[in-house]
């Protein structure tokens, strides 16, 4: 089930919901919280909830579609996003070039 958000990203940007502690693995199965010092400087992770139409090619004649799609779990650059809060939920606006990988 896709999460509905009231933000439409433009061009080659994606709206990403940050992973919860459970999804990110910062809370163990038994509920023990793993401290931030144990996960030093890892890239950010989240779930794509909306994508833009893609950027235009150099001639401005053809759109290059996004590689990521809604529902993809992604890893993105720690400093490659902008934070936005909509309806008391936190999201990241991430350019496609800042998305490093899609997790399986």
PDB file of N, CA and C in Angstrom:
ATOM      1  N   UNK A   1       0.845  -1.182   0.000  1.00  0.00           N
ATOM      2  CA  UNK A   1       0.000   0.000   0.000  1.00  0.00           C
ATOM      3  C   UNK A   1       0.889   1.244   0.000  1.00  0.00           C
ATOM      4  N   UNK A   2       0.674   2.104  -0.978  1.00  0.00           N
ATOM      5  CA  UNK A   2       1.474   3.321  -1.102  1.00  0.00           C
ATOM      6  C   UNK A   2       1.003   4.367  -0.098  1.00  0.00           C
ATOM      7  N   UNK A   3       1.957   5.059   0.457  1.00  0.00           N
ATOM      8  CA  UNK A   3       1.669   6.125   1.418  1.00  0.00           C
ATOM      9  C   UNK A   3       1.291   7.379   0.642  1.00  0.00           C
ATOM     10  N   UNK A   4       0.214   8.027   1.036  1.00  0.00           N
ATOM     11  CA  UNK A   4      -0.219   9.237   0.332  1.00  0.00           C
ATOM     12  C   UNK A   4       0.402  10.455   0.990  1.00  0.00           C
ATOM     13  N   UNK A   5       1.042  11.297   0.166  1.00  0.00           N
ATOM     14  CA  UNK A   5       1.628  12.528   0.684  1.00  0.00           C
ATOM     15  C   UNK A   5       1.167  13.673  -0.197  1.00  0.00           C
ATOM     16  N   UNK A   6       1.051  14.840   0.414  1.00  0.00           N
ATOM     17  CA  UNK A   6       0.562  16.019  -0.298  1.00  0.00           C
ATOM     18  C   UNK A   6       1.705  16.870  -0.832  1.00  0.00           C
ATOM     19  N   UNK A   7       2.730  16.222  -1.368  1.00  0.00           N
ATOM     20  CA  UNK A   7       3.865  16.922  -1.961  1.00  0.00           C
ATOM     21  C   UNK A   7       4.129  16.267  -3.316  1.00  0.00           C
ATOM     22  N   UNK A   8       4.334  17.085  -4.328  1.00  0.00           N
ATOM     23  CA  UNK A   8       4.691  16.565  -5.649  1.00  0.00           C
ATOM     24  C   UNK A   8       6.099  17.043  -5.981  1.00  0.00           C
ATOM     25  N   UNK A   9       7.062  16.129  -6.002  1.00  0.00           N
ATOM     26  CA  UNK A   9       8.433  16.544  -6.323  1.00  0.00           C
ATOM     27  C   UNK A   9       8.561  16.923  -7.796  1.00  0.00           C
ATOM     28  N   UNK A  10       9.436  17.851  -8.080  1.00  0.00           N
ATOM     29  CA  UNK A  10       9.659  18.309  -9.447  1.00  0.00           C
ATOM     30  C   UNK A  10      10.919  17.668 -10.019  1.00  0.00           C
ATOM     31  N   UNK A  11      10.950  17.562 -11.340  1.00  0.00           N
ATOM     32  CA  UNK A  11      12.112  17.094 -12.098  1.00  0.00           C
ATOM     33  C   UNK A  11      12.644  15.762 -11.568  1.00  0.00           C
ATOM     34  N   UNK A  12      13.926  15.728 -11.210  1.00  0.00           N
ATOM     35  CA  UNK A  12      14.558  14.470 -10.787  1.00  0.00           C
ATOM     36  C   UNK A  12      14.723  14.401  -9.264  1.00  0.00           C
ATOM     37  N   UNK A  13      13.662  14.742  -8.570  1.00  0.00           N
ATOM     38  CA  UNK A  13      13.670  14.674  -7.102  1.00  0.00           C
ATOM     39  C   UNK A  13      12.679  13.626  -6.622  1.00  0.00           C
ATOM     40  N   UNK A  14      12.944  13.096  -5.439  1.00  0.00           N
ATOM     41  CA  UNK A  14      12.054  12.113  -4.820  1.00  0.00           C
ATOM     42  C   UNK A  14      11.731  12.562  -3.405  1.00  0.00           C
ATOM     43  N   UNK A  15      10.527  12.227  -2.951  1.00  0.00           N
ATOM     44  CA  UNK A  15      10.153  12.449  -1.553  1.00  0.00           C
ATOM     45  C   UNK A  15      10.399  11.128  -0.835  1.00  0.00           C
ATOM     46  N   UNK A  16      11.185  11.191   0.237  1.00  0.00           N
ATOM     47  CA  UNK A  16      11.579   9.991   0.968  1.00  0.00           C
ATOM     48  C   UNK A  16      11.150  10.116   2.418  1.00  0.00           C
ATOM     49  N   UNK A  17      10.489   9.076   2.915  1.00  0.00           N
ATOM     50  CA  UNK A  17      10.139   9.013   4.336  1.00  0.00           C
ATOM     51  C   UNK A  17      11.288   8.319   5.046  1.00  0.00           C
ATOM     52  N   UNK A  18      11.844   8.943   6.097  1.00  0.00           N
ATOM     53  CA  UNK A  18      12.930   8.280   6.820  1.00  0.00           C
ATOM     54  C   UNK A  18      12.441   6.984   7.442  1.00  0.00           C
ATOM     55  N   UNK A  19      13.327   6.009   7.515  1.00  0.00           N
ATOM     56  CA  UNK A  19      12.977   4.736   8.129  1.00  0.00           C
ATOM     57  C   UNK A  19      12.736   4.908   9.629  1.00  0.00           C
ATOM     58  N   UNK A  20      11.814   4.134  10.158  1.00  0.00           N
ATOM     59  CA  UNK A  20      11.617   4.112  11.605  1.00  0.00           C
ATOM     60  C   UNK A  20      12.802   3.382  12.230  1.00  0.00           C
ATOM     61  N   UNK A  21      12.962   3.481  13.550  1.00  0.00           N
ATOM     62  CA  UNK A  21      14.065   2.792  14.225  1.00  0.00           C
ATOM     63  C   UNK A  21      14.015   1.290  13.970  1.00  0.00           C
ATOM     64  N   UNK A  22      12.814   0.725  13.957  1.00  0.00           N
ATOM     65  CA  UNK A  22      12.677  -0.707  13.726  1.00  0.00           C
ATOM     66  C   UNK A  22      13.087  -1.067  12.300  1.00  0.00           C
ATOM     67  N   UNK A  23      12.640  -0.261  11.315  1.00  0.00           N
ATOM     68  CA  UNK A  23      12.990  -0.512   9.918  1.00  0.00           C
ATOM     69  C   UNK A  23      14.489  -0.357   9.679  1.00  0.00           C
ATOM     70  N   UNK A  24      15.105   0.597  10.367  1.00  0.00           N
ATOM     71  CA  UNK A  24      16.529   0.885  10.176  1.00  0.00           C
ATOM     72  C   UNK A  24      17.429  -0.049  10.956  1.00  0.00           C
ATOM     73  N   UNK A  25      16.855  -0.805  11.881  1.00  0.00           N
ATOM     74  CA  UNK A  25      17.653  -1.732  12.666  1.00  0.00           C
ATOM     75  C   UNK A  25      18.357  -1.091  13.840  1.00  0.00           C
ATOM     76  N   UNK A  26      17.885   0.087  14.300  1.00  0.00           N
ATOM     77  CA  UNK A  26      18.513   0.728  15.452  1.00  0.00           C
ATOM     78  C   UNK A  26      17.853   0.307  16.758  1.00  0.00           C
ATOM     79  N   UNK A  27      16.815  -0.520  16.660  1.00  0.00           N
ATOM     80  CA  UNK A  27      16.210  -1.138  17.827  1.00  0.00           C
ATOM     81  C   UNK A  27      16.237  -2.635  17.567  1.00  0.00           C
ATOM     82  N   UNK A  28      16.787  -3.389  18.501  1.00  0.00           N
ATOM     83  CA  UNK A  28      16.885  -4.829  18.300  1.00  0.00           C
ATOM     84  C   UNK A  28      15.512  -5.474  18.411  1.00  0.00           C
ATOM     85  N   UNK A  29      15.417  -6.736  17.996  1.00  0.00           N
ATOM     86  CA  UNK A  29      14.164  -7.474  18.054  1.00  0.00           C
ATOM     87  C   UNK A  29      13.620  -7.521  19.475  1.00  0.00           C
ATOM     88  N   UNK A  30      14.496  -7.584  20.449  1.00  0.00           N
ATOM     89  CA  UNK A  30      14.057  -7.646  21.844  1.00  0.00           C
ATOM     90  C   UNK A  30      13.753  -6.265  22.419  1.00  0.00           C
ATOM     91  N   UNK A  31      13.926  -5.201  21.613  1.00  0.00           N
ATOM     92  CA  UNK A  31      13.580  -3.856  22.056  1.00  0.00           C
ATOM     93  C   UNK A  31      14.734  -3.058  22.613  1.00  0.00           C
ATOM     94  N   UNK A  32      15.940  -3.607  22.570  1.00  0.00           N
ATOM     95  CA  UNK A  32      17.107  -2.882  23.066  1.00  0.00           C
ATOM     96  C   UNK A  32      17.493  -1.822  22.046  1.00  0.00           C
ATOM     97  N   UNK A  33      17.648  -0.584  22.482  1.00  0.00           N
ATOM     98  CA  UNK A  33      17.999   0.519  21.584  1.00  0.00           C
ATOM     99  C   UNK A  33      19.503   0.525  21.371  1.00  0.00           C
ATOM    100  N   UNK A  34      19.902   0.528  20.104  1.00  0.00           N
ATOM    101  CA  UNK A  34      21.317   0.564  19.754  1.00  0.00           C
ATOM    102  C   UNK A  34      21.721   2.037  19.681  1.00  0.00           C
ATOM    103  N   UNK A  35      22.735   2.471  20.432  1.00  0.00           N
ATOM    104  CA  UNK A  35      23.090   3.890  20.484  1.00  0.00           C
ATOM    105  C   UNK A  35      23.623   4.414  19.157  1.00  0.00           C
ATOM    106  N   UNK A  36      23.464   5.745  18.970  1.00  0.00           N
ATOM    107  CA  UNK A  36      23.934   6.397  17.749  1.00  0.00           C
ATOM    108  C   UNK A  36      25.425   6.203  17.529  1.00  0.00           C
ATOM    109  N   UNK A  37      26.208   6.077  18.594  1.00  0.00           N
ATOM    110  CA  UNK A  37      27.654   5.911  18.443  1.00  0.00           C
ATOM    111  C   UNK A  37      27.996   4.596  17.763  1.00  0.00           C
ATOM    112  N   UNK A  38      27.108   3.625  17.807  1.00  0.00           N
ATOM    113  CA  UNK A  38      27.358   2.329  17.173  1.00  0.00           C
ATOM    114  C   UNK A  38      27.086   2.371  15.678  1.00  0.00           C
ATOM    115  N   UNK A  39      26.401   3.397  15.196  1.00  0.00           N
ATOM    116  CA  UNK A  39      26.081   3.489  13.765  1.00  0.00           C
ATOM    117  C   UNK A  39      26.704   4.732  13.134  1.00  0.00           C
ATOM    118  N   UNK A  40      27.912   5.075  13.555  1.00  0.00           N
ATOM    119  CA  UNK A  40      28.577   6.310  13.163  1.00  0.00           C
ATOM    120  C   UNK A  40      28.619   6.535  11.658  1.00  0.00           C
ATOM    121  N   UNK A  41      28.171   7.737  11.248  1.00  0.00           N
ATOM    122  CA  UNK A  41      28.305   8.261   9.893  1.00  0.00           C
ATOM    123  C   UNK A  41      27.866   7.317   8.779  1.00  0.00           C
ATOM    124  N   UNK A  42      26.797   6.591   8.975  1.00  0.00           N
ATOM    125  CA  UNK A  42      26.244   5.787   7.893  1.00  0.00           C
ATOM    126  C   UNK A  42      25.407   6.687   6.992  1.00  0.00           C
ATOM    127  N   UNK A  43      25.280   6.338   5.703  1.00  0.00           N
ATOM    128  CA  UNK A  43      24.376   7.113   4.854  1.00  0.00           C
ATOM    129  C   UNK A  43      22.948   6.980   5.366  1.00  0.00           C
ATOM    130  N   UNK A  44      22.091   7.904   4.986  1.00  0.00           N
ATOM    131  CA  UNK A  44      20.694   7.895   5.402  1.00  0.00           C
ATOM    132  C   UNK A  44      19.918   6.854   4.600  1.00  0.00           C
ATOM    133  N   UNK A  45      18.809   6.376   5.182  1.00  0.00           N
ATOM    134  CA  UNK A  45      17.952   5.410   4.510  1.00  0.00           C
ATOM    135  C   UNK A  45      16.504   5.835   4.638  1.00  0.00           C
ATOM    136  N   UNK A  46      15.697   5.453   3.656  1.00  0.00           N
ATOM    137  CA  UNK A  46      14.285   5.785   3.707  1.00  0.00           C
ATOM    138  C   UNK A  46      13.517   5.055   2.630  1.00  0.00           C
ATOM    139  N   UNK A  47      12.212   5.330   2.594  1.00  0.00           N
ATOM    140  CA  UNK A  47      11.309   4.722   1.620  1.00  0.00           C
ATOM    141  C   UNK A  47      10.774   5.829   0.719  1.00  0.00           C
ATOM    142  N   UNK A  48      10.850   5.625  -0.581  1.00  0.00           N
ATOM    143  CA  UNK A  48      10.374   6.611  -1.550  1.00  0.00           C
ATOM    144  C   UNK A  48       8.846   6.629  -1.522  1.00  0.00           C
ATOM    145  N   UNK A  49       8.260   7.815  -1.314  1.00  0.00           N
ATOM    146  CA  UNK A  49       6.801   7.940  -1.279  1.00  0.00           C
ATOM    147  C   UNK A  49       6.252   8.738  -2.459  1.00  0.00           C
ATOM    148  N   UNK A  50       7.117   9.423  -3.209  1.00  0.00           N
ATOM    149  CA  UNK A  50       6.697  10.146  -4.418  1.00  0.00           C
ATOM    150  C   UNK A  50       7.939  10.439  -5.250  1.00  0.00           C
ATOM    151  N   UNK A  51       7.767  10.466  -6.577  1.00  0.00           N
ATOM    152  CA  UNK A  51       8.885  10.784  -7.473  1.00  0.00           C
ATOM    153  C   UNK A  51       8.451  11.815  -8.502  1.00  0.00           C
ATOM    154  N   UNK A  52       9.415  12.612  -8.941  1.00  0.00           N
ATOM    155  CA  UNK A  52       9.162  13.572 -10.004  1.00  0.00           C
ATOM    156  C   UNK A  52       9.138  12.885 -11.358  1.00  0.00           C
ATOM    157  N   UNK A  53       8.876  13.652 -12.400  1.00  0.00           N
ATOM    158  CA  UNK A  53       8.774  13.104 -13.756  1.00  0.00           C
ATOM    159  C   UNK A  53      10.133  12.813 -14.380  1.00  0.00           C
ATOM    160  N   UNK A  54      11.215  13.288 -13.786  1.00  0.00           N
ATOM    161  CA  UNK A  54      12.557  13.104 -14.336  1.00  0.00           C
ATOM    162  C   UNK A  54      13.078  14.407 -14.902  1.00  0.00           C
ATOM    163  N   UNK A  55      14.378  14.441 -15.176  1.00  0.00           N
ATOM    164  CA  UNK A  55      14.964  15.680 -15.707  1.00  0.00           C
ATOM    165  C   UNK A  55      14.966  15.639 -17.230  1.00  0.00           C
ATOM    166  N   UNK A  56      15.131  16.802 -17.827  1.00  0.00           N
ATOM    167  CA  UNK A  56      15.205  16.912 -19.287  1.00  0.00           C
ATOM    168  C   UNK A  56      16.621  16.614 -19.745  1.00  0.00           C
ATOM    169  N   UNK A  57      16.757  16.048 -20.945  1.00  0.00           N
ATOM    170  CA  UNK A  57      18.081  15.806 -21.504  1.00  0.00           C
ATOM    171  C   UNK A  57      18.751  17.141 -21.849  1.00  0.00           C
ATOM    172  N   UNK A  58      19.992  17.103 -22.310  1.00  0.00           N
ATOM    173  CA  UNK A  58      20.754  18.324 -22.577  1.00  0.00           C
ATOM    174  C   UNK A  58      20.102  19.216 -23.637  1.00  0.00           C
ATOM    175  N   UNK A  59      19.377  18.617 -24.582  1.00  0.00           N
ATOM    176  CA  UNK A  59      18.718  19.392 -25.634  1.00  0.00           C
ATOM    177  C   UNK A  59      17.372  19.937 -25.187  1.00  0.00           C
ATOM    178  N   UNK A  60      16.885  19.484 -24.038  1.00  0.00           N
ATOM    179  CA  UNK A  60      15.595  19.923 -23.539  1.00  0.00           C
ATOM    180  C   UNK A  60      14.422  19.357 -24.324  1.00  0.00           C
ATOM    181  N   UNK A  61      14.641  18.256 -25.025  1.00  0.00           N
ATOM    182  CA  UNK A  61      13.605  17.675 -25.869  1.00  0.00           C
ATOM    183  C   UNK A  61      12.985  16.407 -25.299  1.00  0.00           C
ATOM    184  N   UNK A  62      13.705  15.720 -24.443  1.00  0.00           N
ATOM    185  CA  UNK A  62      13.240  14.417 -23.951  1.00  0.00           C
ATOM    186  C   UNK A  62      13.462  14.329 -22.441  1.00  0.00           C
ATOM    187  N   UNK A  63      12.453  13.819 -21.742  1.00  0.00           N
ATOM    188  CA  UNK A  63      12.601  13.595 -20.299  1.00  0.00           C
ATOM    189  C   UNK A  63      13.305  12.281 -20.035  1.00  0.00           C
ATOM    190  N   UNK A  64      14.227  12.299 -19.081  1.00  0.00           N
ATOM    191  CA  UNK A  64      14.901  11.082 -18.644  1.00  0.00           C
ATOM    192  C   UNK A  64      14.167  10.607 -17.398  1.00  0.00           C
ATOM    193  N   UNK A  65      13.480   9.460 -17.467  1.00  0.00           N
ATOM    194  CA  UNK A  65      12.678   9.010 -16.327  1.00  0.00           C
ATOM    195  C   UNK A  65      13.539   8.648 -15.110  1.00  0.00           C
ATOM    196  N   UNK A  66      12.917   8.714 -13.951  1.00  0.00           N
ATOM    197  CA  UNK A  66      13.590   8.377 -12.692  1.00  0.00           C
ATOM    198  C   UNK A  66      13.828   6.865 -12.621  1.00  0.00           C
ATOM    199  N   UNK A  67      14.961   6.465 -12.024  1.00  0.00           N
ATOM    200  CA  UNK A  67      15.232   5.041 -11.813  1.00  0.00           C
ATOM    201  C   UNK A  67      14.506   4.511 -10.585  1.00  0.00           C
ATOM    202  N   UNK A  68      14.302   5.364  -9.585  1.00  0.00           N
ATOM    203  CA  UNK A  68      13.613   4.913  -8.373  1.00  0.00           C
ATOM    204  C   UNK A  68      12.115   5.049  -8.557  1.00  0.00           C
ATOM    205  N   UNK A  69      11.367   4.237  -7.810  1.00  0.00           N
ATOM    206  CA  UNK A  69       9.913   4.294  -7.879  1.00  0.00           C
ATOM    207  C   UNK A  69       9.342   4.290  -6.466  1.00  0.00           C
ATOM    208  N   UNK A  70       8.089   4.647  -6.356  1.00  0.00           N
ATOM    209  CA  UNK A  70       7.411   4.664  -5.063  1.00  0.00           C
ATOM    210  C   UNK A  70       7.492   3.265  -4.450  1.00  0.00           C
ATOM    211  N   UNK A  71       7.862   3.223  -3.169  1.00  0.00           N
ATOM    212  CA  UNK A  71       7.976   1.960  -2.455  1.00  0.00           C
ATOM    213  C   UNK A  71       9.397   1.446  -2.340  1.00  0.00           C
ATOM    214  N   UNK A  72      10.331   1.976  -3.151  1.00  0.00           N
ATOM    215  CA  UNK A  72      11.728   1.550  -3.068  1.00  0.00           C
ATOM    216  C   UNK A  72      12.334   1.999  -1.742  1.00  0.00           C
ATOM    217  N   UNK A  73      13.087   1.103  -1.118  1.00  0.00           N
ATOM    218  CA  UNK A  73      13.863   1.432   0.081  1.00  0.00           C
ATOM    219  C   UNK A  73      15.238   1.849  -0.424  1.00  0.00           C
ATOM    220  N   UNK A  74      15.657   3.080  -0.097  1.00  0.00           N
ATOM    221  CA  UNK A  74      16.878   3.632  -0.676  1.00  0.00           C
ATOM    222  C   UNK A  74      17.875   4.089   0.377  1.00  0.00           C
ATOM    223  N   UNK A  75      19.117   4.197  -0.055  1.00  0.00           N
ATOM    224  CA  UNK A  75      20.201   4.777   0.731  1.00  0.00           C
ATOM    225  C   UNK A  75      20.600   6.044  -0.006  1.00  0.00           C
ATOM    226  N   UNK A  76      20.726   7.155   0.729  1.00  0.00           N
ATOM    227  CA  UNK A  76      21.087   8.415   0.084  1.00  0.00           C
ATOM    228  C   UNK A  76      22.140   9.141   0.890  1.00  0.00           C
ATOM    229  N   UNK A  77      22.805  10.063   0.235  1.00  0.00           N
ATOM    230  CA  UNK A  77      23.896  10.812   0.826  1.00  0.00           C
ATOM    231  C   UNK A  77      23.445  11.537   2.090  1.00  0.00           C
ATOM    232  N   UNK A  78      24.276  11.479   3.111  1.00  0.00           N
ATOM    233  CA  UNK A  78      23.945  12.070   4.411  1.00  0.00           C
ATOM    234  C   UNK A  78      23.633  13.555   4.320  1.00  0.00           C
ATOM    235  N   UNK A  79      24.283  14.267   3.411  1.00  0.00           N
ATOM    236  CA  UNK A  79      24.067  15.710   3.301  1.00  0.00           C
ATOM    237  C   UNK A  79      23.384  16.088   1.990  1.00  0.00           C
ATOM    238  N   UNK A  80      22.787  15.111   1.295  1.00  0.00           N
ATOM    239  CA  UNK A  80      22.214  15.365  -0.022  1.00  0.00           C
ATOM    240  C   UNK A  80      20.703  15.487  -0.038  1.00  0.00           C
ATOM    241  N   UNK A  81      20.116  16.085   0.994  1.00  0.00           N
ATOM    242  CA  UNK A  81      18.654  16.193   1.030  1.00  0.00           C
ATOM    243  C   UNK A  81      18.229  17.454   1.769  1.00  0.00           C
ATOM    244  N   UNK A  82      16.952  17.811   1.572  1.00  0.00           N
ATOM    245  CA  UNK A  82      16.329  18.904   2.309  1.00  0.00           C
ATOM    246  C   UNK A  82      15.191  18.314   3.129  1.00  0.00           C
ATOM    247  N   UNK A  83      15.075  18.740   4.373  1.00  0.00           N
ATOM    248  CA  UNK A  83      14.003  18.256   5.237  1.00  0.00           C
ATOM    249  C   UNK A  83      12.771  19.127   5.069  1.00  0.00           C
ATOM    250  N   UNK A  84      11.601  18.475   5.108  1.00  0.00           N
ATOM    251  CA  UNK A  84      10.341  19.198   5.052  1.00  0.00           C
ATOM    252  C   UNK A  84       9.354  18.463   5.952  1.00  0.00           C
ATOM    253  N   UNK A  85       8.477  19.226   6.596  1.00  0.00           N
ATOM    254  CA  UNK A  85       7.480  18.636   7.481  1.00  0.00           C
ATOM    255  C   UNK A  85       6.104  18.962   6.913  1.00  0.00           C
ATOM    256  N   UNK A  86       5.294  17.925   6.672  1.00  0.00           N
ATOM    257  CA  UNK A  86       3.950  18.088   6.131  1.00  0.00           C
ATOM    258  C   UNK A  86       3.003  17.285   7.004  1.00  0.00           C
ATOM    259  N   UNK A  87       1.957  17.950   7.506  1.00  0.00           N
ATOM    260  CA  UNK A  87       0.970  17.292   8.373  1.00  0.00           C
ATOM    261  C   UNK A  87       1.657  16.548   9.520  1.00  0.00           C
ATOM    262  N   UNK A  88       2.628  17.197  10.146  1.00  0.00           N
ATOM    263  CA  UNK A  88       3.369  16.656  11.289  1.00  0.00           C
ATOM    264  C   UNK A  88       4.176  15.405  10.976  1.00  0.00           C
ATOM    265  N   UNK A  89       4.451  15.144   9.711  1.00  0.00           N
ATOM    266  CA  UNK A  89       5.318  14.026   9.326  1.00  0.00           C
ATOM    267  C   UNK A  89       6.552  14.594   8.651  1.00  0.00           C
ATOM    268  N   UNK A  90       7.696  13.980   8.951  1.00  0.00           N
ATOM    269  CA  UNK A  90       8.962  14.438   8.395  1.00  0.00           C
ATOM    270  C   UNK A  90       9.275  13.669   7.114  1.00  0.00           C
ATOM    271  N   UNK A  91       9.679  14.418   6.068  1.00  0.00           N
ATOM    272  CA  UNK A  91      10.080  13.826   4.797  1.00  0.00           C
ATOM    273  C   UNK A  91      11.369  14.483   4.350  1.00  0.00           C
ATOM    274  N   UNK A  92      12.055  13.819   3.435  1.00  0.00           N
ATOM    275  CA  UNK A  92      13.251  14.375   2.817  1.00  0.00           C
ATOM    276  C   UNK A  92      12.984  14.550   1.330  1.00  0.00           C
ATOM    277  N   UNK A  93      13.432  15.672   0.774  1.00  0.00           N
ATOM    278  CA  UNK A  93      13.416  15.867  -0.668  1.00  0.00           C
ATOM    279  C   UNK A  93      14.836  15.582  -1.137  1.00  0.00           C
ATOM    280  N   UNK A  94      14.975  14.541  -1.971  1.00  0.00           N
ATOM    281  CA  UNK A  94      16.289  14.052  -2.365  1.00  0.00           C
ATOM    282  C   UNK A  94      16.405  14.083  -3.885  1.00  0.00           C
ATOM    283  N   UNK A  95      17.474  14.698  -4.394  1.00  0.00           N
ATOM    284  CA  UNK A  95      17.747  14.652  -5.825  1.00  0.00           C
ATOM    285  C   UNK A  95      18.197  13.253  -6.211  1.00  0.00           C
ATOM    286  N   UNK A  96      17.835  12.815  -7.412  1.00  0.00           N
ATOM    287  CA  UNK A  96      18.191  11.453  -7.819  1.00  0.00           C
ATOM    288  C   UNK A  96      19.696  11.219  -7.760  1.00  0.00           C
ATOM    289  N   UNK A  97      20.497  12.235  -8.035  1.00  0.00           N
ATOM    290  CA  UNK A  97      21.950  12.068  -7.990  1.00  0.00           C
ATOM    291  C   UNK A  97      22.472  11.824  -6.567  1.00  0.00           C
ATOM    292  N   UNK A  98      21.668  12.141  -5.548  1.00  0.00           N
ATOM    293  CA  UNK A  98      22.055  11.900  -4.152  1.00  0.00           C
ATOM    294  C   UNK A  98      21.604  10.533  -3.649  1.00  0.00           C
ATOM    295  N   UNK A  99      20.796   9.827  -4.449  1.00  0.00           N
ATOM    296  CA  UNK A  99      20.379   8.477  -4.066  1.00  0.00           C
ATOM    297  C   UNK A  99      21.481   7.529  -4.499  1.00  0.00           C
ATOM    298  N   UNK A 100      22.046   6.829  -3.517  1.00  0.00           N
ATOM    299  CA  UNK A 100      23.228   5.997  -3.770  1.00  0.00           C
ATOM    300  C   UNK A 100      22.878   4.578  -4.186  1.00  0.00           C
ATOM    301  N   UNK A 101      21.755   4.045  -3.666  1.00  0.00           N
ATOM    302  CA  UNK A 101      21.398   2.648  -3.951  1.00  0.00           C
ATOM    303  C   UNK A 101      19.951   2.375  -3.595  1.00  0.00           C
ATOM    304  N   UNK A 102      19.407   1.341  -4.233  1.00  0.00           N
ATOM    305  CA  UNK A 102      18.097   0.803  -3.875  1.00  0.00           C
ATOM    306  C   UNK A 102      18.355  -0.492  -3.128  1.00  0.00           C
ATOM    307  N   UNK A 103      17.789  -0.614  -1.934  1.00  0.00           N
ATOM    308  CA  UNK A 103      17.992  -1.817  -1.129  1.00  0.00           C
ATOM    309  C   UNK A 103      16.952  -2.882  -1.507  1.00  0.00           C
ATOM    310  N   UNK A 104      17.385  -4.116  -1.548  1.00  0.00           N
ATOM    311  CA  UNK A 104      16.472  -5.228  -1.862  1.00  0.00           C
ATOM    312  C   UNK A 104      15.869  -5.801  -0.615  1.00  0.00           C
TER     313      UNK A 104
END
